[in-house]
Amino acid sequence: MEESLLELGTMLMIAGMGTVFVFLTVLVGAMSLMATVVRHVQPAVTNDEVTYEEVAAIAAAIRRHRQS
């Protein structure tokens, strides 16, 4: 029996959505794995203090960006 155009379209849609779902699942898993590896390899930055010079440089950059 010949399949109708609606059935073929539905099958194609399910196959496409399944492919995208699998790809995104693999992508999330790979990114989580990479984040874990980087977290273990790269030492954590413990200095959370921001100096006044850094604040002034950031403020000057924002001011210059808004002027142009």
N, C-alpha and C. Protein backbone atom coordinates (compact mmCIF):
# COMPACT_ATOMS: atom_id res chain seq x y z
N MET A 1 0.84 -1.17 0.00
CA MET A 1 0.00 0.00 0.00
C MET A 1 0.89 1.25 0.00
N GLU A 2 0.53 2.21 -0.78
CA GLU A 2 1.31 3.43 -0.91
C GLU A 2 1.00 4.38 0.24
N GLU A 3 2.05 4.96 0.80
CA GLU A 3 1.87 5.88 1.93
C GLU A 3 1.45 7.25 1.42
N SER A 4 0.65 7.92 2.18
CA SER A 4 0.19 9.25 1.78
C SER A 4 1.28 10.28 2.07
N LEU A 5 1.10 11.43 1.47
CA LEU A 5 2.05 12.52 1.66
C LEU A 5 2.10 12.96 3.11
N LEU A 6 0.97 12.92 3.79
CA LEU A 6 0.93 13.31 5.20
C LEU A 6 1.73 12.33 6.06
N GLU A 7 1.63 11.04 5.78
CA GLU A 7 2.39 10.04 6.54
C GLU A 7 3.89 10.19 6.28
N LEU A 8 4.26 10.44 5.04
CA LEU A 8 5.68 10.64 4.72
C LEU A 8 6.23 11.88 5.41
N GLY A 9 5.44 12.95 5.41
CA GLY A 9 5.86 14.17 6.09
C GLY A 9 6.02 13.98 7.58
N THR A 10 5.11 13.23 8.18
CA THR A 10 5.18 12.94 9.62
C THR A 10 6.41 12.11 9.95
N MET A 11 6.69 11.10 9.13
CA MET A 11 7.87 10.27 9.36
C MET A 11 9.15 11.09 9.24
N LEU A 12 9.21 11.98 8.24
CA LEU A 12 10.37 12.84 8.06
C LEU A 12 10.53 13.79 9.23
N MET A 13 9.41 14.33 9.72
CA MET A 13 9.47 15.24 10.86
C MET A 13 9.99 14.52 12.10
N ILE A 14 9.50 13.32 12.36
CA ILE A 14 9.95 12.55 13.53
C ILE A 14 11.42 12.20 13.42
N ALA A 15 11.86 11.81 12.22
CA ALA A 15 13.28 11.49 12.03
C ALA A 15 14.14 12.72 12.24
N GLY A 16 13.72 13.87 11.73
CA GLY A 16 14.49 15.11 11.89
C GLY A 16 14.55 15.56 13.33
N MET A 17 13.42 15.52 14.02
CA MET A 17 13.39 15.94 15.41
C MET A 17 14.19 14.98 16.28
N GLY A 18 14.15 13.70 15.96
CA GLY A 18 14.95 12.73 16.70
C GLY A 18 16.43 12.97 16.52
N THR A 19 16.83 13.27 15.28
CA THR A 19 18.24 13.56 15.00
C THR A 19 18.71 14.79 15.77
N VAL A 20 17.91 15.84 15.77
CA VAL A 20 18.26 17.06 16.50
C VAL A 20 18.34 16.79 18.00
N PHE A 21 17.38 16.02 18.52
CA PHE A 21 17.38 15.71 19.95
C PHE A 21 18.64 14.93 20.34
N VAL A 22 19.00 13.93 19.55
CA VAL A 22 20.20 13.15 19.85
C VAL A 22 21.44 14.03 19.77
N PHE A 23 21.53 14.88 18.74
CA PHE A 23 22.69 15.75 18.59
C PHE A 23 22.81 16.71 19.78
N LEU A 24 21.71 17.32 20.18
CA LEU A 24 21.77 18.26 21.31
C LEU A 24 22.10 17.55 22.62
N THR A 25 21.61 16.34 22.80
CA THR A 25 21.93 15.57 23.99
C THR A 25 23.43 15.26 24.04
N VAL A 26 23.98 14.84 22.91
CA VAL A 26 25.42 14.56 22.85
C VAL A 26 26.22 15.84 23.08
N LEU A 27 25.75 16.95 22.53
CA LEU A 27 26.44 18.23 22.71
C LEU A 27 26.46 18.66 24.17
N VAL A 28 25.34 18.54 24.86
CA VAL A 28 25.28 18.90 26.29
C VAL A 28 26.20 17.99 27.10
N GLY A 29 26.21 16.71 26.79
CA GLY A 29 27.08 15.78 27.49
C GLY A 29 28.55 16.11 27.26
N ALA A 30 28.91 16.43 26.02
CA ALA A 30 30.31 16.77 25.71
C ALA A 30 30.72 18.06 26.42
N MET A 31 29.84 19.04 26.45
CA MET A 31 30.18 20.30 27.12
C MET A 31 30.31 20.10 28.63
N SER A 32 29.48 19.28 29.22
CA SER A 32 29.59 19.00 30.65
C SER A 32 30.89 18.28 30.95
N LEU A 33 31.25 17.33 30.10
CA LEU A 33 32.51 16.62 30.28
C LEU A 33 33.69 17.56 30.15
N MET A 34 33.66 18.45 29.15
CA MET A 34 34.75 19.41 28.98
C MET A 34 34.84 20.36 30.17
N ALA A 35 33.72 20.79 30.69
CA ALA A 35 33.73 21.68 31.85
C ALA A 35 34.35 20.99 33.06
N THR A 36 34.03 19.72 33.24
CA THR A 36 34.61 18.95 34.35
C THR A 36 36.11 18.81 34.18
N VAL A 37 36.56 18.51 32.97
CA VAL A 37 37.99 18.36 32.71
C VAL A 37 38.72 19.67 32.94
N VAL A 38 38.16 20.77 32.43
CA VAL A 38 38.81 22.07 32.59
C VAL A 38 38.85 22.46 34.06
N ARG A 39 37.80 22.17 34.81
CA ARG A 39 37.75 22.50 36.22
C ARG A 39 38.85 21.77 36.99
N HIS A 40 39.17 20.53 36.59
CA HIS A 40 40.20 19.77 37.27
C HIS A 40 41.60 20.16 36.81
N VAL A 41 41.74 20.57 35.56
CA VAL A 41 43.06 20.89 35.01
C VAL A 41 43.49 22.30 35.39
N GLN A 42 42.59 23.25 35.24
CA GLN A 42 42.92 24.65 35.49
C GLN A 42 42.75 24.97 36.98
N PRO A 43 43.76 25.57 37.59
CA PRO A 43 43.62 25.91 39.01
C PRO A 43 42.58 27.01 39.21
N ALA A 44 41.89 26.94 40.30
CA ALA A 44 40.85 27.92 40.60
C ALA A 44 41.46 29.26 40.98
N VAL A 45 40.85 30.32 40.55
CA VAL A 45 41.31 31.66 40.89
C VAL A 45 40.72 32.01 42.24
N THR A 46 41.57 32.34 43.20
CA THR A 46 41.09 32.61 44.55
C THR A 46 41.01 34.10 44.86
N ASN A 47 41.60 34.94 44.02
CA ASN A 47 41.60 36.37 44.27
C ASN A 47 40.35 36.98 43.65
N ASP A 48 39.34 37.25 44.50
CA ASP A 48 38.09 37.81 44.02
C ASP A 48 38.03 39.33 44.16
N GLU A 49 39.08 39.93 44.66
CA GLU A 49 39.08 41.37 44.87
C GLU A 49 39.32 42.10 43.56
N VAL A 50 38.58 43.19 43.37
CA VAL A 50 38.74 44.04 42.21
C VAL A 50 39.39 45.33 42.68
N THR A 51 40.47 45.72 42.00
CA THR A 51 41.18 46.93 42.41
C THR A 51 40.48 48.17 41.86
N TYR A 52 40.80 49.31 42.45
CA TYR A 52 40.22 50.56 41.98
C TYR A 52 40.67 50.88 40.55
N GLU A 53 41.89 50.48 40.21
CA GLU A 53 42.38 50.71 38.85
C GLU A 53 41.55 49.92 37.83
N GLU A 54 41.17 48.70 38.18
CA GLU A 54 40.35 47.89 37.27
C GLU A 54 38.96 48.50 37.11
N VAL A 55 38.39 48.97 38.20
CA VAL A 55 37.07 49.62 38.13
C VAL A 55 37.14 50.87 37.28
N ALA A 56 38.19 51.66 37.43
CA ALA A 56 38.36 52.88 36.65
C ALA A 56 38.54 52.56 35.16
N ALA A 57 39.30 51.51 34.86
CA ALA A 57 39.52 51.12 33.46
C ALA A 57 38.22 50.65 32.82
N ILE A 58 37.44 49.88 33.56
CA ILE A 58 36.16 49.40 33.03
C ILE A 58 35.20 50.56 32.81
N ALA A 59 35.14 51.48 33.77
CA ALA A 59 34.25 52.64 33.64
C ALA A 59 34.67 53.51 32.45
N ALA A 60 35.97 53.69 32.26
CA ALA A 60 36.45 54.49 31.12
C ALA A 60 36.12 53.80 29.80
N ALA A 61 36.24 52.48 29.75
CA ALA A 61 35.92 51.75 28.52
C ALA A 61 34.44 51.85 28.20
N ILE A 62 33.59 51.74 29.21
CA ILE A 62 32.15 51.86 28.99
C ILE A 62 31.80 53.26 28.52
N ARG A 63 32.39 54.27 29.15
CA ARG A 63 32.12 55.66 28.77
C ARG A 63 32.55 55.91 27.32
N ARG A 64 33.72 55.41 26.95
CA ARG A 64 34.22 55.61 25.59
C ARG A 64 33.34 54.87 24.58
N HIS A 65 32.88 53.68 24.93
CA HIS A 65 32.02 52.91 24.03
C HIS A 65 30.68 53.64 23.81
N ARG A 66 30.13 54.21 24.85
CA ARG A 66 28.84 54.88 24.73
C ARG A 66 28.95 56.18 23.94
N GLN A 67 30.12 56.81 23.96
CA GLN A 67 30.31 58.07 23.21
C GLN A 67 30.42 57.82 21.71
N SER A 68 30.91 56.66 21.32
CA SER A 68 31.11 56.43 19.87
C SER A 68 29.91 55.80 19.22
